Amino acid sequence: MNIFVINSGSSSIKYQLFRLPTEQPICSGLIERIGLENSLVTHKVFAGEQEHVVQRTLDLPDHEAGLREAVGLLTNREIGVIRKPEEIEVVGHRVVHGGEHFAATTVITPQVKEEIKKLFPLAPLHNPANYMGIEVAEKIFPQAQLVAVFDTAFHQTLPEPAFRYALPTTLYTDYGIRVYGFHGTSHKYVAEQAAEYLQKPDAKLITIHLGNGCSMAAVAGGRSLDTSMGFGPLSGLVMGTRSGDLDPSVIFHLITQLGYDADQVSTLLNKRSGMLGLTGLSDMRDISQAIAQGDERANLAYDLYSYRIRKYIGAYAAVLNGLDAIVFTAGVGENDSLLRHRVCQNLDFLGLHLDEAKNQVRSKQTREINTVDSRAKILVIPTNEELEIAKQCQALLSSTTAP
């Protein structure tokens, strides 16, 4: 089954083509700066351990032009992996917010599209771009089955005490103000990989997704029981440019005493805070380099970042009433040994003991970095959201066509 996975952003498109059941993608690509001058296309074709990379700079006025460029590369006479677009059987779309309406992967119909549009106010930076990707794919792949995979769906198993806020009930019942959680596709994927690695389907896990955006989840038996992001993707951990958890009184003070308006507060908390606000840098590689050069602000920021993660680990161990493993994933979680070292300090009471030598090893495979006497495992598992989307598409369509 040829499944083309699309992650459409406001000015970008990420894509991968899978020929399941083979889990290695046939090709992948990133189209950046759509609608701007000098759009950049990076296309990779995989053949075993080898990869062929093509880069092009050109003007792409909109997402349709970008996706047609990708199709041209897919069918290119020299490097193409399919002969014609009609060979794409399924197009899987990442959609960030599914609200309460979508608790599972869903075939896209006109009614589903209308529901996604209704959710624009809950994810104004993401859902409109995801919707745009759906509209463009309908034009370019009219023969394909389109499927939506929602970031929030995995967290629909949260119990009500975990997803409700202590606000007037009508704000939930009439306006849907509750915890939704995000990065669900990543949390689901690494939790399944961890349970398989541990050979324990009912494993109690804390999954830690650390990229520019960061979130954690408490997972038991493959079900999300709590997660650090809430109504939107701002709460919880310290992130690249987002503040994470904050006393709401700070917002009132910014408005009433310092003259901020709502847009300025939103910009401050989403784009100028987090590690950027603390250090002037948002990339953890730059910040760790600053630490090596003796930058005290960078050192404090790393301590604050890791402290918040450690605090959530303690809370989620209580939610789970035990712990089999913590799982680091995503760009920072998979690659930053210094961060993992600081997070795992002083977690002896949970039976977590880091092996410093193992922590320094880099690998694209699932690995444990705990000592042999560690009661709970410390795992590093590379996430693969695109593969998870493809697998969910295949599972859904296989179940609907089964006799």
Protein backbone atom coordinates (compact mmCIF):
# COMPACT_ATOMS: atom_id res chain seq x y z
CA MET A 1 0.00 0.00 0.00
CA ASN A 2 1.52 3.33 -1.08
CA ILE A 3 0.79 5.89 1.65
CA PHE A 4 1.89 9.49 1.19
CA VAL A 5 2.09 11.32 4.53
CA ILE A 6 1.75 15.10 4.53
CA ASN A 7 2.43 17.52 7.38
CA SER A 8 1.33 20.91 6.08
CA GLY A 9 2.45 24.07 7.89
CA SER A 10 1.65 27.71 7.23
CA SER A 11 4.62 28.10 4.86
CA SER A 12 5.97 24.57 4.61
CA ILE A 13 5.15 20.99 3.67
CA LYS A 14 6.89 17.91 5.08
CA TYR A 15 6.20 14.61 3.38
CA GLN A 16 7.19 10.95 3.30
CA LEU A 17 6.14 8.10 1.02
CA PHE A 18 5.77 4.62 2.54
CA ARG A 19 5.12 1.32 0.82
CA LEU A 20 3.74 -0.62 3.75
CA PRO A 21 4.28 -3.09 5.28
CA THR A 22 7.91 -1.92 4.78
CA GLU A 23 8.49 0.71 7.47
CA GLN A 24 11.48 2.40 5.84
CA PRO A 25 10.23 5.36 3.76
CA ILE A 26 10.90 5.29 0.05
CA CYS A 27 11.47 9.03 0.01
CA SER A 28 10.95 12.13 2.10
CA GLY A 29 10.96 15.84 1.56
CA LEU A 30 10.70 19.30 3.04
CA ILE A 31 9.38 22.32 1.18
CA GLU A 32 10.10 25.61 2.95
CA ARG A 33 9.32 29.31 2.44
CA ILE A 34 6.15 28.69 0.44
CA GLY A 35 4.72 32.01 -0.72
CA LEU A 36 8.08 33.74 -0.33
CA GLU A 37 10.97 34.29 -2.69
CA ASN A 38 13.50 31.50 -3.03
CA SER A 39 11.39 28.63 -1.74
CA LEU A 40 13.61 25.67 -0.84
CA VAL A 41 12.83 22.06 -1.74
CA THR A 42 14.85 19.23 -0.21
CA HIS A 43 13.94 15.78 -1.52
CA LYS A 44 15.57 12.51 -0.39
CA VAL A 45 15.27 9.10 -2.04
CA PHE A 46 16.25 6.07 0.05
CA ALA A 47 17.71 2.83 -1.29
CA GLY A 48 18.78 0.63 1.61
CA GLU A 49 21.48 2.49 3.51
CA GLN A 50 22.02 4.90 0.62
CA GLU A 51 20.18 8.16 0.07
CA HIS A 52 20.06 10.51 -2.89
CA VAL A 53 19.41 14.17 -2.05
CA VAL A 54 18.03 16.78 -4.42
CA GLN A 55 17.80 20.45 -3.46
CA ARG A 56 16.10 23.13 -5.49
CA THR A 57 15.52 26.83 -4.95
CA LEU A 58 12.57 28.29 -6.85
CA ASP A 59 9.49 30.46 -6.34
CA LEU A 60 6.46 28.55 -5.06
CA PRO A 61 3.49 30.92 -4.69
CA ASP A 62 1.26 28.55 -2.73
CA HIS A 63 0.90 25.06 -1.25
CA GLU A 64 -0.53 23.64 -4.46
CA ALA A 65 2.59 24.68 -6.36
CA GLY A 66 4.73 23.16 -3.61
CA LEU A 67 2.93 19.84 -3.61
CA ARG A 68 2.99 19.66 -7.42
CA GLU A 69 6.77 20.16 -7.23
CA ALA A 70 6.94 17.23 -4.82
CA VAL A 71 4.86 15.06 -7.17
CA GLY A 72 7.21 16.01 -10.01
CA LEU A 73 10.12 14.67 -7.97
CA LEU A 74 8.20 11.53 -7.02
CA THR A 75 7.61 10.75 -10.69
CA ASN A 76 10.90 12.11 -12.08
CA ARG A 77 12.30 9.89 -14.84
CA GLU A 78 15.74 9.64 -13.20
CA ILE A 79 15.06 9.64 -9.45
CA GLY A 80 11.32 8.96 -9.29
CA VAL A 81 9.91 6.22 -7.08
CA ILE A 82 6.48 6.01 -8.76
CA ARG A 83 5.45 6.35 -12.41
CA LYS A 84 2.34 8.50 -11.91
CA PRO A 85 0.39 10.19 -9.05
CA GLU A 86 -2.40 7.59 -9.38
CA GLU A 87 -0.09 5.06 -7.71
CA ILE A 88 -0.62 6.91 -4.42
CA GLU A 89 -3.45 4.98 -2.77
CA VAL A 90 -3.71 6.86 0.53
CA VAL A 91 -2.76 10.36 1.64
CA GLY A 92 -2.39 10.65 5.43
CA HIS A 93 -2.65 14.15 6.90
CA ARG A 94 -1.40 15.31 10.25
CA VAL A 95 -4.07 17.50 11.85
CA VAL A 96 -3.04 19.08 15.13
CA HIS A 97 -6.40 19.58 16.84
CA GLY A 98 -9.32 17.17 16.75
CA GLY A 99 -11.19 18.53 19.76
CA GLU A 100 -13.48 16.02 21.44
CA HIS A 101 -15.10 15.14 18.13
CA PHE A 102 -12.16 13.09 16.80
CA ALA A 103 -10.81 10.46 19.16
CA ALA A 104 -9.38 8.29 16.39
CA THR A 105 -7.93 8.33 12.89
CA THR A 106 -10.67 9.29 10.45
CA VAL A 107 -11.39 9.06 6.72
CA ILE A 108 -11.74 12.62 5.41
CA THR A 109 -15.21 13.48 4.13
CA PRO A 110 -16.88 16.86 3.51
CA GLN A 111 -18.41 16.58 6.99
CA VAL A 112 -15.00 15.87 8.57
CA LYS A 113 -13.55 18.90 6.80
CA GLU A 114 -16.31 21.10 8.22
CA GLU A 115 -15.57 19.84 11.73
CA ILE A 116 -11.84 20.56 11.26
CA LYS A 117 -12.74 24.11 10.19
CA LYS A 118 -14.84 24.55 13.34
CA LEU A 119 -11.71 23.77 15.37
CA PHE A 120 -9.67 26.60 13.81
CA PRO A 121 -10.11 28.81 16.92
CA LEU A 122 -8.56 26.07 19.12
CA ALA A 123 -5.42 25.79 16.94
CA PRO A 124 -5.24 28.96 14.84
CA LEU A 125 -1.58 28.45 13.88
CA HIS A 126 -1.94 24.80 12.87
CA ASN A 127 -5.39 23.61 11.83
CA PRO A 128 -5.85 26.14 8.97
CA ALA A 129 -2.52 25.03 7.49
CA ASN A 130 -3.42 21.36 7.95
CA TYR A 131 -6.77 22.02 6.26
CA MET A 132 -5.02 23.74 3.37
CA GLY A 133 -2.93 20.60 2.85
CA ILE A 134 -6.11 18.53 2.64
CA GLU A 135 -7.65 20.84 0.05
CA VAL A 136 -4.53 20.75 -2.12
CA ALA A 137 -4.20 16.96 -1.86
CA GLU A 138 -7.79 16.56 -3.03
CA LYS A 139 -6.84 18.32 -6.26
CA ILE A 140 -3.57 16.50 -6.87
CA PHE A 141 -4.58 13.00 -5.72
CA PRO A 142 -8.30 12.80 -6.59
CA GLN A 143 -8.13 9.00 -6.76
CA ALA A 144 -6.58 8.54 -3.30
CA GLN A 145 -8.29 7.93 0.01
CA LEU A 146 -7.57 10.88 2.32
CA VAL A 147 -7.18 10.22 6.04
CA ALA A 148 -6.73 12.57 9.02
CA VAL A 149 -4.58 11.62 12.01
CA PHE A 150 -5.08 13.98 14.96
CA ASP A 151 -2.37 14.97 17.45
CA THR A 152 -4.97 15.25 20.20
CA ALA A 153 -6.63 11.85 19.60
CA PHE A 154 -4.20 9.82 21.74
CA HIS A 155 -5.02 11.94 24.78
CA GLN A 156 -8.78 11.40 24.51
CA THR A 157 -8.34 8.57 27.04
CA LEU A 158 -7.53 11.06 29.81
CA PRO A 159 -9.90 10.58 32.77
CA GLU A 160 -12.15 13.54 33.53
CA PRO A 161 -10.25 14.67 36.65
CA ALA A 162 -7.17 14.99 34.43
CA PHE A 163 -8.76 16.84 31.50
CA ARG A 164 -11.17 19.18 33.30
CA TYR A 165 -10.22 22.65 34.55
CA ALA A 166 -11.69 24.07 37.76
CA LEU A 167 -13.74 26.63 35.81
CA PRO A 168 -17.50 27.09 35.56
CA THR A 169 -18.93 23.93 34.00
CA THR A 170 -20.53 25.82 31.11
CA LEU A 171 -17.09 26.82 29.80
CA TYR A 172 -16.48 23.12 29.23
CA THR A 173 -19.92 22.01 28.10
CA ASP A 174 -20.63 25.01 25.85
CA TYR A 175 -17.16 26.02 24.66
CA GLY A 176 -14.98 22.92 25.04
CA ILE A 177 -12.42 24.49 27.37
CA ARG A 178 -10.49 21.51 28.71
CA VAL A 179 -7.11 19.75 28.46
CA TYR A 180 -6.60 18.31 24.97
CA GLY A 181 -2.88 17.60 24.91
CA PHE A 182 -0.61 17.52 21.86
CA HIS A 183 2.26 15.53 20.30
CA GLY A 184 -0.09 12.55 20.66
CA THR A 185 1.18 10.81 17.55
CA SER A 186 4.73 10.88 18.92
CA HIS A 187 3.72 9.81 22.44
CA LYS A 188 1.69 6.92 21.03
CA TYR A 189 4.51 5.74 18.79
CA VAL A 190 7.27 5.72 21.42
CA ALA A 191 4.97 4.24 24.08
CA GLU A 192 4.22 1.31 21.76
CA GLN A 193 7.92 0.91 20.96
CA ALA A 194 8.78 0.97 24.68
CA ALA A 195 6.12 -1.61 25.59
CA GLU A 196 7.41 -3.89 22.82
CA TYR A 197 11.04 -3.40 23.94
CA LEU A 198 10.11 -4.17 27.55
CA GLN A 199 7.87 -7.06 26.43
CA LYS A 200 5.23 -5.64 28.74
CA PRO A 201 1.95 -4.51 27.10
CA ASP A 202 0.68 -3.01 30.37
CA ALA A 203 3.88 -1.01 30.99
CA LYS A 204 3.71 2.15 33.08
CA LEU A 205 5.62 4.76 31.11
CA ILE A 206 6.48 8.45 31.18
CA THR A 207 7.13 9.63 27.63
CA ILE A 208 9.13 12.84 27.26
CA HIS A 209 8.95 14.59 23.86
CA LEU A 210 11.60 17.31 23.73
CA GLY A 211 11.98 19.41 20.59
CA ASN A 212 11.34 23.09 20.07
CA GLY A 213 7.94 22.24 21.53
CA CYS A 214 7.98 19.94 24.56
CA SER A 215 5.45 17.74 26.30
CA MET A 216 5.19 14.72 28.57
CA ALA A 217 2.60 12.02 29.03
CA ALA A 218 1.79 9.40 31.65
CA VAL A 219 0.91 6.20 29.75
CA ALA A 220 -0.33 2.91 31.18
CA GLY A 221 -1.21 -0.05 29.02
CA GLY A 222 -0.98 2.12 25.92
CA ARG A 223 -3.49 4.68 27.24
CA SER A 224 -2.66 8.31 27.99
CA LEU A 225 -3.66 9.17 31.58
CA ASP A 226 -2.22 12.69 31.80
CA THR A 227 -0.20 15.09 29.68
CA SER A 228 1.59 18.37 30.24
CA MET A 229 0.16 20.44 27.37
CA GLY A 230 -3.42 21.53 27.89
CA PHE A 231 -6.04 23.58 26.06
CA GLY A 232 -3.26 24.82 23.79
CA PRO A 233 0.42 23.93 23.35
CA LEU A 234 1.72 26.59 25.77
CA SER A 235 1.48 24.90 29.16
CA GLY A 236 3.75 22.41 30.89
CA LEU A 237 7.48 22.24 30.18
CA VAL A 238 9.88 25.04 29.31
CA MET A 239 10.26 25.07 25.50
CA GLY A 240 12.37 26.74 22.85
CA THR A 241 10.32 29.95 22.77
CA ARG A 242 7.28 29.10 24.94
CA SER A 243 7.10 29.74 28.65
CA GLY A 244 5.44 26.55 29.80
CA ASP A 245 3.57 26.63 33.13
CA LEU A 246 2.97 30.14 34.40
CA ASP A 247 0.92 31.72 37.19
CA PRO A 248 -2.05 33.38 35.36
CA SER A 249 -1.57 36.37 37.64
CA VAL A 250 1.49 37.26 35.58
CA ILE A 251 -0.76 37.78 32.56
CA PHE A 252 -3.06 40.12 34.49
CA HIS A 253 -0.04 42.05 35.75
CA LEU A 254 1.36 42.41 32.22
CA ILE A 255 -1.97 43.85 31.03
CA THR A 256 -3.00 46.03 33.95
CA GLN A 257 0.38 47.26 35.17
CA LEU A 258 2.74 47.08 32.19
CA GLY A 259 0.34 48.02 29.41
CA TYR A 260 0.44 44.83 27.32
CA ASP A 261 -2.55 43.94 25.16
CA ALA A 262 -3.71 40.37 24.45
CA ASP A 263 -1.69 40.02 21.22
CA GLN A 264 1.47 41.25 22.92
CA VAL A 265 1.00 38.78 25.78
CA SER A 266 0.49 35.96 23.30
CA THR A 267 3.63 36.92 21.39
CA LEU A 268 5.62 37.19 24.61
CA LEU A 269 4.60 33.79 25.96
CA ASN A 270 4.67 31.86 22.68
CA LYS A 271 7.56 33.42 20.76
CA ARG A 272 9.83 35.33 23.16
CA SER A 273 9.91 33.21 26.30
CA GLY A 274 11.22 29.75 27.16
CA MET A 275 14.91 29.17 26.49
CA LEU A 276 14.99 32.16 24.15
CA GLY A 277 13.76 34.45 26.89
CA LEU A 278 16.19 33.03 29.43
CA THR A 279 19.30 32.96 27.25
CA GLY A 280 18.70 34.86 24.02
CA LEU A 281 19.05 31.50 22.22
CA SER A 282 16.36 28.96 21.34
CA ASP A 283 18.40 26.07 19.89
CA MET A 284 19.59 23.70 22.62
CA ARG A 285 22.81 22.99 20.71
CA ASP A 286 23.73 26.66 20.89
CA ILE A 287 22.79 26.82 24.56
CA SER A 288 24.86 23.76 25.51
CA GLN A 289 27.81 25.32 23.65
CA ALA A 290 27.28 28.50 25.68
CA ILE A 291 27.38 26.41 28.87
CA ALA A 292 30.71 24.94 27.78
CA GLN A 293 31.98 28.50 27.42
CA GLY A 294 30.93 29.36 30.98
CA ASP A 295 27.66 31.22 30.28
CA GLU A 296 25.80 31.33 33.61
CA ARG A 297 22.47 32.32 32.04
CA ALA A 298 22.63 29.26 29.80
CA ASN A 299 23.53 27.05 32.76
CA LEU A 300 20.58 28.35 34.78
CA ALA A 301 18.25 27.85 31.82
CA TYR A 302 19.33 24.20 31.47
CA ASP A 303 18.72 23.66 35.19
CA LEU A 304 15.29 25.26 34.95
CA TYR A 305 14.42 23.22 31.85
CA SER A 306 15.49 19.92 33.44
CA TYR A 307 13.93 20.78 36.81
CA ARG A 308 10.51 21.18 35.21
CA ILE A 309 10.85 17.78 33.51
CA ARG A 310 11.96 16.15 36.76
CA LYS A 311 9.00 17.66 38.60
CA TYR A 312 6.58 16.19 36.05
CA ILE A 313 8.30 12.81 36.33
CA GLY A 314 7.52 12.78 40.05
CA ALA A 315 3.92 13.81 39.45
CA TYR A 316 3.35 11.25 36.73
CA ALA A 317 4.91 8.44 38.75
CA ALA A 318 2.20 9.21 41.31
CA VAL A 319 -0.50 9.23 38.60
CA LEU A 320 0.72 5.83 37.37
CA ASN A 321 1.22 4.41 40.87
CA GLY A 322 4.54 3.00 39.74
CA LEU A 323 6.98 3.20 36.86
CA ASP A 324 8.53 0.78 34.40
CA ALA A 325 10.43 3.30 32.26
CA ILE A 326 10.88 6.90 31.26
CA VAL A 327 11.33 7.52 27.53
CA PHE A 328 13.27 10.39 25.97
CA THR A 329 12.36 11.23 22.38
CA ALA A 330 12.36 13.93 19.65
CA GLY A 331 15.31 16.11 18.64
CA VAL A 332 16.51 17.21 22.07
CA GLY A 333 15.44 14.09 23.94
CA GLU A 334 17.22 11.78 21.51
CA ASN A 335 20.45 13.75 21.09
CA ASP A 336 21.19 15.89 24.16
CA SER A 337 23.17 13.81 26.65
CA LEU A 338 23.75 16.78 28.98
CA LEU A 339 20.02 17.38 29.28
CA ARG A 340 19.31 13.71 30.03
CA HIS A 341 22.07 13.75 32.65
CA ARG A 342 20.54 16.74 34.45
CA VAL A 343 17.01 15.36 34.28
CA CYS A 344 18.02 12.01 35.77
CA GLN A 345 19.85 13.46 38.76
CA ASN A 346 18.21 12.80 42.15
CA LEU A 347 15.65 10.31 40.87
CA ASP A 348 16.99 7.45 43.00
CA PHE A 349 13.70 7.22 44.91
CA LEU A 350 12.06 6.02 41.68
CA GLY A 351 14.80 3.48 41.08
CA LEU A 352 16.19 5.43 38.12
CA HIS A 353 19.97 5.30 37.75
CA LEU A 354 21.67 6.73 34.66
CA ASP A 355 24.69 5.00 33.13
CA GLU A 356 26.89 7.92 32.10
CA ALA A 357 28.80 5.96 29.46
CA LYS A 358 25.64 4.64 27.79
CA ASN A 359 24.19 8.14 27.90
CA GLN A 360 26.96 9.40 25.61
CA VAL A 361 26.25 6.84 22.87
CA ARG A 362 24.30 8.03 19.83
CA SER A 363 22.10 5.64 17.90
CA LYS A 364 19.01 5.60 15.70
CA GLN A 365 17.79 2.50 17.53
CA THR A 366 15.85 2.07 20.76
CA ARG A 367 18.38 1.89 23.58
CA GLU A 368 18.48 1.90 27.37
CA ILE A 369 20.89 4.21 29.15
CA ASN A 370 20.29 3.06 32.71
CA THR A 371 22.65 1.07 34.92
CA VAL A 372 22.08 -2.68 35.30
CA ASP A 373 20.75 -2.19 38.85
CA SER A 374 18.25 0.51 37.87
CA ARG A 375 14.79 -0.61 39.00
CA ALA A 376 13.09 1.34 36.19
CA LYS A 377 14.47 1.71 32.69
CA ILE A 378 15.70 4.93 31.09
CA LEU A 379 15.05 4.59 27.35
CA VAL A 380 15.92 6.71 24.33
CA ILE A 381 13.57 5.97 21.44
CA PRO A 382 13.69 7.92 18.16
CA THR A 383 10.20 9.10 17.31
CA ASN A 384 8.70 8.62 13.87
CA GLU A 385 5.43 10.50 13.60
CA GLU A 386 5.18 10.05 9.84
CA LEU A 387 5.49 6.26 10.13
CA GLU A 388 2.90 6.26 12.92
CA ILE A 389 0.53 8.23 10.69
CA ALA A 390 1.06 5.77 7.83
CA LYS A 391 0.46 2.77 10.12
CA GLN A 392 -2.72 4.32 11.51
CA CYS A 393 -3.97 4.97 7.97
CA GLN A 394 -3.30 1.37 7.00
CA ALA A 395 -4.98 0.01 10.15
CA LEU A 396 -8.08 2.14 9.62
CA LEU A 397 -8.52 1.27 5.96
CA SER A 398 -7.77 -2.40 6.52
CA SER A 399 -10.46 -2.58 9.20
CA THR A 400 -13.05 -0.82 7.04
CA THR A 401 -12.43 -3.11 4.04
CA ALA A 402 -12.24 -6.38 6.01
CA PRO A 403 -15.05 -8.84 5.21
